[in-house]
Amino acid sequence: MSDSGMNYLNGLMDEWMELELRKAGAERKAQREAQLLSEALEMTSGISTQRPTVEHLVVAMRWCVSQNQTDWQDAPF
């Protein structure tokens, strides 16, 4: 195979690897946000005595926005 053909294949592999890394990062972020949302719900229901962190509050606010919760008092947090 010529050098240009190898360079093309290497470029494709680099793009594929970058895409896979971004996909894995997005999946980890989604899992982390789901965990934080679950913990925030436990904190507000009295199951957990842990105090919320800024991360918990940010995820809870994002959830409220995604649910079109405009009145924060109606949110489960």
PDB file of N, CA and C in Angstrom:
ATOM      1  N   MET A   1       0.854  -1.172   0.000  1.00  0.00           N
ATOM      2  CA  MET A   1       0.000   0.000   0.000  1.00  0.00           C
ATOM      3  C   MET A   1       0.902   1.238   0.000  1.00  0.00           C
ATOM      4  N   SER A   2       0.463   2.245  -0.696  1.00  0.00           N
ATOM      5  CA  SER A   2       1.271   3.460  -0.798  1.00  0.00           C
ATOM      6  C   SER A   2       1.223   4.259   0.498  1.00  0.00           C
ATOM      7  N   ASP A   3       2.152   5.196   0.620  1.00  0.00           N
ATOM      8  CA  ASP A   3       2.195   6.050   1.814  1.00  0.00           C
ATOM      9  C   ASP A   3       0.920   6.869   1.946  1.00  0.00           C
ATOM     10  N   SER A   4       0.403   7.358   0.820  1.00  0.00           N
ATOM     11  CA  SER A   4      -0.814   8.166   0.899  1.00  0.00           C
ATOM     12  C   SER A   4      -2.003   7.312   1.353  1.00  0.00           C
ATOM     13  N   GLY A   5      -2.029   6.044   0.910  1.00  0.00           N
ATOM     14  CA  GLY A   5      -3.089   5.144   1.356  1.00  0.00           C
ATOM     15  C   GLY A   5      -2.992   4.848   2.842  1.00  0.00           C
ATOM     16  N   MET A   6      -1.777   4.665   3.326  1.00  0.00           N
ATOM     17  CA  MET A   6      -1.574   4.426   4.759  1.00  0.00           C
ATOM     18  C   MET A   6      -1.924   5.670   5.570  1.00  0.00           C
ATOM     19  N   ASN A   7      -1.550   6.821   5.062  1.00  0.00           N
ATOM     20  CA  ASN A   7      -1.889   8.068   5.756  1.00  0.00           C
ATOM     21  C   ASN A   7      -3.402   8.240   5.837  1.00  0.00           C
ATOM     22  N   TYR A   8      -4.099   7.906   4.762  1.00  0.00           N
ATOM     23  CA  TYR A   8      -5.558   8.008   4.746  1.00  0.00           C
ATOM     24  C   TYR A   8      -6.167   7.062   5.787  1.00  0.00           C
ATOM     25  N   LEU A   9      -5.708   5.820   5.813  1.00  0.00           N
ATOM     26  CA  LEU A   9      -6.219   4.850   6.785  1.00  0.00           C
ATOM     27  C   LEU A   9      -5.900   5.271   8.216  1.00  0.00           C
ATOM     28  N   ASN A  10      -4.701   5.775   8.429  1.00  0.00           N
ATOM     29  CA  ASN A  10      -4.343   6.258   9.768  1.00  0.00           C
ATOM     30  C   ASN A  10      -5.237   7.422  10.177  1.00  0.00           C
ATOM     31  N   GLY A  11      -5.546   8.306   9.251  1.00  0.00           N
ATOM     32  CA  GLY A  11      -6.457   9.422   9.539  1.00  0.00           C
ATOM     33  C   GLY A  11      -7.842   8.930   9.908  1.00  0.00           C
ATOM     34  N   LEU A  12      -8.327   7.918   9.179  1.00  0.00           N
ATOM     35  CA  LEU A  12      -9.635   7.338   9.499  1.00  0.00           C
ATOM     36  C   LEU A  12      -9.636   6.706  10.886  1.00  0.00           C
ATOM     37  N   MET A  13      -8.583   5.994  11.201  1.00  0.00           N
ATOM     38  CA  MET A  13      -8.479   5.375  12.527  1.00  0.00           C
ATOM     39  C   MET A  13      -8.434   6.432  13.629  1.00  0.00           C
ATOM     40  N   ASP A  14      -7.697   7.502  13.401  1.00  0.00           N
ATOM     41  CA  ASP A  14      -7.634   8.581  14.384  1.00  0.00           C
ATOM     42  C   ASP A  14      -9.013   9.186  14.611  1.00  0.00           C
ATOM     43  N   GLU A  15      -9.757   9.433  13.533  1.00  0.00           N
ATOM     44  CA  GLU A  15     -11.106   9.994  13.645  1.00  0.00           C
ATOM     45  C   GLU A  15     -12.033   9.044  14.398  1.00  0.00           C
ATOM     46  N   TRP A  16     -11.930   7.749  14.086  1.00  0.00           N
ATOM     47  CA  TRP A  16     -12.770   6.760  14.739  1.00  0.00           C
ATOM     48  C   TRP A  16     -12.468   6.700  16.234  1.00  0.00           C
ATOM     49  N   MET A  17     -11.181   6.697  16.575  1.00  0.00           N
ATOM     50  CA  MET A  17     -10.799   6.643  17.992  1.00  0.00           C
ATOM     51  C   MET A  17     -11.279   7.881  18.732  1.00  0.00           C
ATOM     52  N   GLU A  18     -11.164   9.040  18.102  1.00  0.00           N
ATOM     53  CA  GLU A  18     -11.632  10.281  18.731  1.00  0.00           C
ATOM     54  C   GLU A  18     -13.133  10.227  18.967  1.00  0.00           C
ATOM     55  N   LEU A  19     -13.874   9.721  17.998  1.00  0.00           N
ATOM     56  CA  LEU A  19     -15.320   9.585  18.135  1.00  0.00           C
ATOM     57  C   LEU A  19     -15.677   8.631  19.265  1.00  0.00           C
ATOM     58  N   GLU A  20     -14.980   7.511  19.360  1.00  0.00           N
ATOM     59  CA  GLU A  20     -15.236   6.545  20.425  1.00  0.00           C
ATOM     60  C   GLU A  20     -14.930   7.139  21.801  1.00  0.00           C
ATOM     61  N   LEU A  21     -13.856   7.919  21.901  1.00  0.00           N
ATOM     62  CA  LEU A  21     -13.517   8.559  23.176  1.00  0.00           C
ATOM     63  C   LEU A  21     -14.588   9.565  23.585  1.00  0.00           C
ATOM     64  N   ARG A  22     -15.070  10.349  22.618  1.00  0.00           N
ATOM     65  CA  ARG A  22     -16.128  11.318  22.929  1.00  0.00           C
ATOM     66  C   ARG A  22     -17.401  10.600  23.360  1.00  0.00           C
ATOM     67  N   LYS A  23     -17.723   9.504  22.690  1.00  0.00           N
ATOM     68  CA  LYS A  23     -18.919   8.722  23.027  1.00  0.00           C
ATOM     69  C   LYS A  23     -18.809   8.165  24.448  1.00  0.00           C
ATOM     70  N   ALA A  24     -17.656   7.612  24.779  1.00  0.00           N
ATOM     71  CA  ALA A  24     -17.444   7.062  26.124  1.00  0.00           C
ATOM     72  C   ALA A  24     -17.533   8.167  27.180  1.00  0.00           C
ATOM     73  N   GLY A  25     -16.980   9.330  26.874  1.00  0.00           N
ATOM     74  CA  GLY A  25     -17.051  10.451  27.809  1.00  0.00           C
ATOM     75  C   GLY A  25     -18.481  10.903  28.037  1.00  0.00           C
ATOM     76  N   ALA A  26     -19.277  10.945  26.968  1.00  0.00           N
ATOM     77  CA  ALA A  26     -20.678  11.346  27.095  1.00  0.00           C
ATOM     78  C   ALA A  26     -21.458  10.329  27.920  1.00  0.00           C
ATOM     79  N   GLU A  27     -21.158   9.044  27.730  1.00  0.00           N
ATOM     80  CA  GLU A  27     -21.837   8.007  28.507  1.00  0.00           C
ATOM     81  C   GLU A  27     -21.487   8.116  29.988  1.00  0.00           C
ATOM     82  N   ARG A  28     -20.210   8.369  30.294  1.00  0.00           N
ATOM     83  CA  ARG A  28     -19.807   8.529  31.709  1.00  0.00           C
ATOM     84  C   ARG A  28     -20.486   9.756  32.315  1.00  0.00           C
ATOM     85  N   LYS A  29     -20.569  10.836  31.545  1.00  0.00           N
ATOM     86  CA  LYS A  29     -21.210  12.050  32.050  1.00  0.00           C
ATOM     87  C   LYS A  29     -22.688  11.791  32.341  1.00  0.00           C
ATOM     88  N   ALA A  30     -23.362  11.090  31.453  1.00  0.00           N
ATOM     89  CA  ALA A  30     -24.777  10.777  31.654  1.00  0.00           C
ATOM     90  C   ALA A  30     -24.977   9.898  32.885  1.00  0.00           C
ATOM     91  N   GLN A  31     -24.097   8.920  33.079  1.00  0.00           N
ATOM     92  CA  GLN A  31     -24.184   8.060  34.263  1.00  0.00           C
ATOM     93  C   GLN A  31     -23.961   8.863  35.537  1.00  0.00           C
ATOM     94  N   ARG A  32     -23.008   9.773  35.501  1.00  0.00           N
ATOM     95  CA  ARG A  32     -22.710  10.605  36.680  1.00  0.00           C
ATOM     96  C   ARG A  32     -23.900  11.515  36.993  1.00  0.00           C
ATOM     97  N   GLU A  33     -24.492  12.107  35.960  1.00  0.00           N
ATOM     98  CA  GLU A  33     -25.641  12.976  36.191  1.00  0.00           C
ATOM     99  C   GLU A  33     -26.827  12.191  36.732  1.00  0.00           C
ATOM    100  N   ALA A  34     -27.032  10.970  36.251  1.00  0.00           N
ATOM    101  CA  ALA A  34     -28.124  10.142  36.764  1.00  0.00           C
ATOM    102  C   ALA A  34     -27.892   9.803  38.234  1.00  0.00           C
ATOM    103  N   GLN A  35     -26.647   9.521  38.592  1.00  0.00           N
ATOM    104  CA  GLN A  35     -26.314   9.228  39.986  1.00  0.00           C
ATOM    105  C   GLN A  35     -26.563  10.452  40.863  1.00  0.00           C
ATOM    106  N   LEU A  36     -26.126  11.613  40.395  1.00  0.00           N
ATOM    107  CA  LEU A  36     -26.315  12.839  41.176  1.00  0.00           C
ATOM    108  C   LEU A  36     -27.791  13.173  41.324  1.00  0.00           C
ATOM    109  N   LEU A  37     -28.577  12.973  40.277  1.00  0.00           N
ATOM    110  CA  LEU A  37     -30.007  13.247  40.345  1.00  0.00           C
ATOM    111  C   LEU A  37     -30.680  12.315  41.344  1.00  0.00           C
ATOM    112  N   SER A  38     -30.292  11.047  41.324  1.00  0.00           N
ATOM    113  CA  SER A  38     -30.840  10.080  42.275  1.00  0.00           C
ATOM    114  C   SER A  38     -30.491  10.474  43.710  1.00  0.00           C
ATOM    115  N   GLU A  39     -29.239  10.878  43.926  1.00  0.00           N
ATOM    116  CA  GLU A  39     -28.822  11.307  45.266  1.00  0.00           C
ATOM    117  C   GLU A  39     -29.585  12.552  45.700  1.00  0.00           C
ATOM    118  N   ALA A  40     -29.803  13.482  44.775  1.00  0.00           N
ATOM    119  CA  ALA A  40     -30.534  14.708  45.125  1.00  0.00           C
ATOM    120  C   ALA A  40     -31.964  14.378  45.531  1.00  0.00           C
ATOM    121  N   LEU A  41     -32.595  13.444  44.825  1.00  0.00           N
ATOM    122  CA  LEU A  41     -33.946  13.030  45.197  1.00  0.00           C
ATOM    123  C   LEU A  41     -33.975  12.373  46.575  1.00  0.00           C
ATOM    124  N   GLU A  42     -32.962  11.571  46.872  1.00  0.00           N
ATOM    125  CA  GLU A  42     -32.878  10.934  48.195  1.00  0.00           C
ATOM    126  C   GLU A  42     -32.700  11.973  49.288  1.00  0.00           C
ATOM    127  N   MET A  43     -31.927  13.002  49.003  1.00  0.00           N
ATOM    128  CA  MET A  43     -31.698  14.048  50.008  1.00  0.00           C
ATOM    129  C   MET A  43     -32.984  14.798  50.328  1.00  0.00           C
ATOM    130  N   THR A  44     -33.780  15.080  49.292  1.00  0.00           N
ATOM    131  CA  THR A  44     -35.001  15.841  49.533  1.00  0.00           C
ATOM    132  C   THR A  44     -36.108  15.000  50.142  1.00  0.00           C
ATOM    133  N   SER A  45     -36.037  13.685  49.961  1.00  0.00           N
ATOM    134  CA  SER A  45     -37.080  12.830  50.525  1.00  0.00           C
ATOM    135  C   SER A  45     -36.770  12.428  51.964  1.00  0.00           C
ATOM    136  N   GLY A  46     -35.580  12.790  52.436  1.00  0.00           N
ATOM    137  CA  GLY A  46     -35.208  12.460  53.801  1.00  0.00           C
ATOM    138  C   GLY A  46     -34.502  11.126  53.933  1.00  0.00           C
ATOM    139  N   ILE A  47     -34.332  10.398  52.836  1.00  0.00           N
ATOM    140  CA  ILE A  47     -33.636   9.110  52.886  1.00  0.00           C
ATOM    141  C   ILE A  47     -32.172   9.317  53.229  1.00  0.00           C
ATOM    142  N   SER A  48     -31.601  10.376  52.688  1.00  0.00           N
ATOM    143  CA  SER A  48     -30.179  10.654  52.895  1.00  0.00           C
ATOM    144  C   SER A  48     -30.024  11.912  53.740  1.00  0.00           C
ATOM    145  N   THR A  49     -29.060  11.891  54.634  1.00  0.00           N
ATOM    146  CA  THR A  49     -28.789  13.083  55.438  1.00  0.00           C
ATOM    147  C   THR A  49     -27.618  13.877  54.872  1.00  0.00           C
ATOM    148  N   GLN A  50     -27.079  13.399  53.761  1.00  0.00           N
ATOM    149  CA  GLN A  50     -25.968  14.099  53.109  1.00  0.00           C
ATOM    150  C   GLN A  50     -26.444  15.455  52.594  1.00  0.00           C
ATOM    151  N   ARG A  51     -25.572  16.443  52.670  1.00  0.00           N
ATOM    152  CA  ARG A  51     -25.916  17.769  52.146  1.00  0.00           C
ATOM    153  C   ARG A  51     -25.594  17.823  50.663  1.00  0.00           C
ATOM    154  N   PRO A  52     -26.431  18.500  49.873  1.00  0.00           N
ATOM    155  CA  PRO A  52     -26.177  18.571  48.431  1.00  0.00           C
ATOM    156  C   PRO A  52     -24.934  19.395  48.115  1.00  0.00           C
ATOM    157  N   THR A  53     -24.247  18.979  47.079  1.00  0.00           N
ATOM    158  CA  THR A  53     -23.093  19.734  46.590  1.00  0.00           C
ATOM    159  C   THR A  53     -23.564  20.627  45.444  1.00  0.00           C
ATOM    160  N   VAL A  54     -22.701  21.462  44.974  1.00  0.00           N
ATOM    161  CA  VAL A  54     -23.032  22.307  43.820  1.00  0.00           C
ATOM    162  C   VAL A  54     -23.382  21.426  42.622  1.00  0.00           C
ATOM    163  N   GLU A  55     -22.655  20.319  42.473  1.00  0.00           N
ATOM    164  CA  GLU A  55     -22.960  19.388  41.375  1.00  0.00           C
ATOM    165  C   GLU A  55     -24.393  18.875  41.462  1.00  0.00           C
ATOM    166  N   HIS A  56     -24.835  18.518  42.666  1.00  0.00           N
ATOM    167  CA  HIS A  56     -26.210  18.048  42.840  1.00  0.00           C
ATOM    168  C   HIS A  56     -27.202  19.138  42.424  1.00  0.00           C
ATOM    169  N   LEU A  57     -26.943  20.349  42.844  1.00  0.00           N
ATOM    170  CA  LEU A  57     -27.853  21.444  42.535  1.00  0.00           C
ATOM    171  C   LEU A  57     -27.897  21.747  41.038  1.00  0.00           C
ATOM    172  N   VAL A  58     -26.751  21.714  40.390  1.00  0.00           N
ATOM    173  CA  VAL A  58     -26.704  21.978  38.948  1.00  0.00           C
ATOM    174  C   VAL A  58     -27.481  20.905  38.186  1.00  0.00           C
ATOM    175  N   VAL A  59     -27.267  19.640  38.543  1.00  0.00           N
ATOM    176  CA  VAL A  59     -27.978  18.552  37.869  1.00  0.00           C
ATOM    177  C   VAL A  59     -29.478  18.665  38.135  1.00  0.00           C
ATOM    178  N   ALA A  60     -29.857  19.000  39.346  1.00  0.00           N
ATOM    179  CA  ALA A  60     -31.274  19.160  39.670  1.00  0.00           C
ATOM    180  C   ALA A  60     -31.890  20.302  38.866  1.00  0.00           C
ATOM    181  N   MET A  61     -31.165  21.397  38.728  1.00  0.00           N
ATOM    182  CA  MET A  61     -31.677  22.521  37.939  1.00  0.00           C
ATOM    183  C   MET A  61     -31.805  22.135  36.464  1.00  0.00           C
ATOM    184  N   ARG A  62     -30.830  21.398  35.937  1.00  0.00           N
ATOM    185  CA  ARG A  62     -30.921  20.942  34.539  1.00  0.00           C
ATOM    186  C   ARG A  62     -32.130  20.033  34.353  1.00  0.00           C
ATOM    187  N   TRP A  63     -32.378  19.170  35.337  1.00  0.00           N
ATOM    188  CA  TRP A  63     -33.522  18.277  35.241  1.00  0.00           C
ATOM    189  C   TRP A  63     -34.816  19.079  35.212  1.00  0.00           C
ATOM    190  N   CYS A  64     -34.913  20.070  36.086  1.00  0.00           N
ATOM    191  CA  CYS A  64     -36.115  20.906  36.136  1.00  0.00           C
ATOM    192  C   CYS A  64     -36.348  21.600  34.798  1.00  0.00           C
ATOM    193  N   VAL A  65     -35.288  22.118  34.219  1.00  0.00           N
ATOM    194  CA  VAL A  65     -35.407  22.786  32.919  1.00  0.00           C
ATOM    195  C   VAL A  65     -35.853  21.790  31.860  1.00  0.00           C
ATOM    196  N   SER A  66     -35.291  20.577  31.881  1.00  0.00           N
ATOM    197  CA  SER A  66     -35.662  19.574  30.880  1.00  0.00           C
ATOM    198  C   SER A  66     -37.114  19.138  31.028  1.00  0.00           C
ATOM    199  N   GLN A  67     -37.682  19.298  32.207  1.00  0.00           N
ATOM    200  CA  GLN A  67     -39.077  18.934  32.461  1.00  0.00           C
ATOM    201  C   GLN A  67     -40.003  20.137  32.339  1.00  0.00           C
ATOM    202  N   ASN A  68     -39.466  21.257  31.880  1.00  0.00           N
ATOM    203  CA  ASN A  68     -40.223  22.510  31.745  1.00  0.00           C
ATOM    204  C   ASN A  68     -40.806  22.978  33.070  1.00  0.00           C
ATOM    205  N   GLN A  69     -40.064  22.736  34.141  1.00  0.00           N
ATOM    206  CA  GLN A  69     -40.471  23.194  35.467  1.00  0.00           C
ATOM    207  C   GLN A  69     -40.075  24.661  35.597  1.00  0.00           C
ATOM    208  N   THR A  70     -41.018  25.542  35.468  1.00  0.00           N
ATOM    209  CA  THR A  70     -40.710  26.957  35.594  1.00  0.00           C
ATOM    210  C   THR A  70     -40.911  27.448  37.023  1.00  0.00           C
ATOM    211  N   ASP A  71     -41.750  26.755  37.764  1.00  0.00           N
ATOM    212  CA  ASP A  71     -41.955  27.103  39.167  1.00  0.00           C
ATOM    213  C   ASP A  71     -41.120  26.146  39.992  1.00  0.00           C
ATOM    214  N   TRP A  72     -40.019  26.639  40.534  1.00  0.00           N
ATOM    215  CA  TRP A  72     -39.079  25.780  41.256  1.00  0.00           C
ATOM    216  C   TRP A  72     -39.711  25.108  42.463  1.00  0.00           C
ATOM    217  N   GLN A  73     -40.766  25.706  43.006  1.00  0.00           N
ATOM    218  CA  GLN A  73     -41.423  25.104  44.170  1.00  0.00           C
ATOM    219  C   GLN A  73     -42.165  23.825  43.809  1.00  0.00           C
ATOM    220  N   ASP A  74     -42.489  23.632  42.542  1.00  0.00           N
ATOM    221  CA  ASP A  74     -43.180  22.407  42.108  1.00  0.00           C
ATOM    222  C   ASP A  74     -42.204  21.269  41.836  1.00  0.00           C
ATOM    223  N   ALA A  75     -40.920  21.582  41.808  1.00  0.00           N
ATOM    224  CA  ALA A  75     -39.916  20.562  41.525  1.00  0.00           C
ATOM    225  C   ALA A  75     -39.763  19.628  42.731  1.00  0.00           C
ATOM    226  N   PRO A  76     -39.320  18.395  42.490  1.00  0.00           N
ATOM    227  CA  PRO A  76     -39.214  17.443  43.603  1.00  0.00           C
ATOM    228  C   PRO A  76     -37.976  17.655  44.470  1.00  0.00           C
ATOM    229  N   PHE A  77     -37.337  18.774  44.365  1.00  0.00           N
ATOM    230  CA  PHE A  77     -36.109  19.022  45.124  1.00  0.00           C
ATOM    231  C   PHE A  77     -36.329  20.076  46.177  1.00  0.00           C
TER     232      PHE A  77
END
